[in-house]
Amino acid sequence: MKARTRTLIAAPALTLAAMFAVAGPAAAADTTQGDLKPVPLNGVDGSGSAMVWVDGTTLKVEFQATGLLADSPHAAHIHYGSDAKNQCPVAADDADGDGHITTSEGIPSYGTVQVSLTTSGDTSPDSALAVDRFDTAAGGDITYERGEIEVSQALADDISSGEAAVVVHGVDYNDNGTYDGDEMSDLDPSLPAEATDPALCGIMNVSQMADMPAGGVQTGSGSTAGVENIGLLAAGGAAALAGGALLIRRRTLRTDS
């Protein structure tokens, strides 16, 4: 009789453990995602999506963008600032009133460059303008993926908590298909402003997604999808344990009688 009692106790416990093993991955908190949207006033009719995975102090980043200046390199970065608004710029951020938002005018919103999303080599802020190592938008589109990006623990924690931004730069104010114009970059006076002004921006919110879906990141950043399922599974597991305990008590009472 004792052996049977142990079996009845173990079965519900194993069932509960299995439930949590299945539900656990949905609660992962080291993935962030966001939609890339045009920076206002800068004349970009584009869109995109991005995802950042944080594993300790190592990042993996993927983003897809469309509607960019075709066949031109586009600098892209992770921006963050503890004293920034941690949001994408709005039209009111055009501080000098020239009708465009520069990278510097966007800094109070999205923070400074923390990671340069280059295709090879250094990924630090030192490579923020390494034009030859950023993706070229073939036909106006970019599909970027890079892993093994090392950052500090503090920055990894900031990105994991959400509110960092992925910003893609490079616009075409005069619609002539190239980076030019009389206005020079506020970051590097040897470059035209078109080459460095922000085109797309997205805030990376904490996500329940484990992988970037085909066709881009799903909408609904910061979703709690899956969390409610953990609660239901936990409730079901508790019910299974309660049912097992009741069954044991009934069998024990029958034996004693």
Foldseek 3Di string as FASTA:
>chain_A
DVVVLVVLLVVLVVLLVVLCVVLVLLPDLQKWKWKKDFQPLQPFPKIKIKMWGFDQQKIKIKMKMARALAQFFKKKAWFADPQALLAFDDQVLPVVPPRAQFPVSGCSHQNDGAFTQFQDDGTGVVCRPVRVGGDGHHNRMDIGIDIRHGDDNVVSVVVSQWSIKMWIAAGDRPPPRDFDDDDAHPVDRVGRRRRGGTTIMITIAGHSDPDADPPGRDDDTPDPVSVVSSVVSNVVSVVSSVVSVVVSVVVVVVVVD
